[in-house]
Amino acid sequence: MSKSTGKFVAGALIGVAAGALAGVLLAPKSGKETRKDIANKAKEYTAKGKEMAIKGEKVVKGAIHDAAEKVVEKTS
């Protein structure tokens, strides 16, 4: 993943989170309902973030492995 793609994805995720938060805060609900919604969304986004981190870790490990193989090929 290129740096610009990574920045775009990060920006998109921040935008989605900000939009969701604004929607929840501006919804005509009681404070108790709003806090519950925010807690549920936080759990959802935390799970998605962990999933993305795991996928990113796999991509990085794969790239490191590929680079190491190329170094071995060129030095052998």
Protein backbone atom coordinates (compact mmCIF):
# COMPACT_ATOMS: atom_id res chain seq x y z
CA MET A 1 0.00 0.00 0.00
CA SER A 2 1.47 3.34 -1.01
CA LYS A 3 1.76 6.24 1.40
CA SER A 4 -0.91 8.24 -0.42
CA THR A 5 -3.33 5.29 -0.35
CA GLY A 6 -2.71 4.82 3.36
CA LYS A 7 -3.32 8.51 4.00
CA PHE A 8 -6.52 8.39 1.98
CA VAL A 9 -7.82 5.36 3.90
CA ALA A 10 -6.94 6.98 7.24
CA GLY A 11 -8.67 10.20 6.20
CA ALA A 12 -11.74 8.32 5.04
CA LEU A 13 -11.95 6.43 8.33
CA ILE A 14 -11.63 9.65 10.30
CA GLY A 15 -14.36 11.21 8.15
CA VAL A 16 -16.68 8.26 8.68
CA ALA A 17 -16.10 8.35 12.42
CA ALA A 18 -16.68 12.12 12.58
CA GLY A 19 -19.86 11.80 10.52
CA ALA A 20 -21.17 9.00 12.67
CA LEU A 21 -20.40 10.93 15.84
CA ALA A 22 -22.09 14.06 14.50
CA GLY A 23 -25.14 12.03 13.51
CA VAL A 24 -25.41 10.47 16.93
CA LEU A 25 -24.91 13.75 18.77
CA LEU A 26 -27.46 15.60 16.64
CA ALA A 27 -30.10 12.88 16.78
CA PRO A 28 -33.21 13.67 18.83
CA LYS A 29 -32.60 11.08 21.55
CA SER A 30 -32.21 11.21 25.29
CA GLY A 31 -28.75 11.51 26.81
CA LYS A 32 -28.89 7.93 28.03
CA GLU A 33 -29.74 6.62 24.55
CA THR A 34 -27.08 8.80 22.95
CA ARG A 35 -24.38 7.58 25.36
CA LYS A 36 -25.40 3.98 24.67
CA ASP A 37 -25.20 4.60 20.91
CA ILE A 38 -21.77 6.20 21.27
CA ALA A 39 -20.52 3.28 23.37
CA ASN A 40 -21.83 0.78 20.81
CA LYS A 41 -20.21 2.65 17.91
CA ALA A 42 -16.94 2.91 19.84
CA LYS A 43 -16.93 -0.87 20.33
CA GLU A 44 -17.74 -1.39 16.64
CA TYR A 45 -14.98 0.96 15.46
CA THR A 46 -12.51 -0.54 17.92
CA ALA A 47 -13.20 -4.00 16.51
CA LYS A 48 -12.84 -2.72 12.95
CA GLY A 49 -9.61 -0.92 13.88
CA LYS A 50 -8.15 -4.08 15.39
CA GLU A 51 -9.13 -6.03 12.29
CA MET A 52 -7.46 -3.46 10.05
CA ALA A 53 -4.35 -3.47 12.23
CA ILE A 54 -4.08 -7.26 11.93
CA LYS A 55 -4.48 -7.06 8.15
CA GLY A 56 -1.90 -4.28 7.98
CA GLU A 57 0.51 -6.29 10.09
CA LYS A 58 0.17 -9.23 7.68
CA VAL A 59 0.85 -6.95 4.71
CA VAL A 60 3.93 -5.46 6.36
CA LYS A 61 5.28 -8.88 7.38
CA GLY A 62 4.75 -10.12 3.82
CA ALA A 63 6.58 -7.11 2.40
CA ILE A 64 9.48 -7.63 4.81
CA HIS A 65 9.65 -11.31 3.91
CA ASP A 66 9.65 -10.50 0.19
CA ALA A 67 12.36 -7.87 0.64
CA ALA A 68 14.49 -10.28 2.67
CA GLU A 69 14.20 -12.91 -0.07
CA LYS A 70 15.29 -10.38 -2.69
CA VAL A 71 18.31 -9.41 -0.58
CA VAL A 72 19.28 -13.06 -0.20
CA GLU A 73 18.89 -13.63 -3.97
CA LYS A 74 21.03 -10.62 -4.84
CA THR A 75 23.76 -11.42 -2.32
CA SER A 76 24.00 -15.11 -3.15
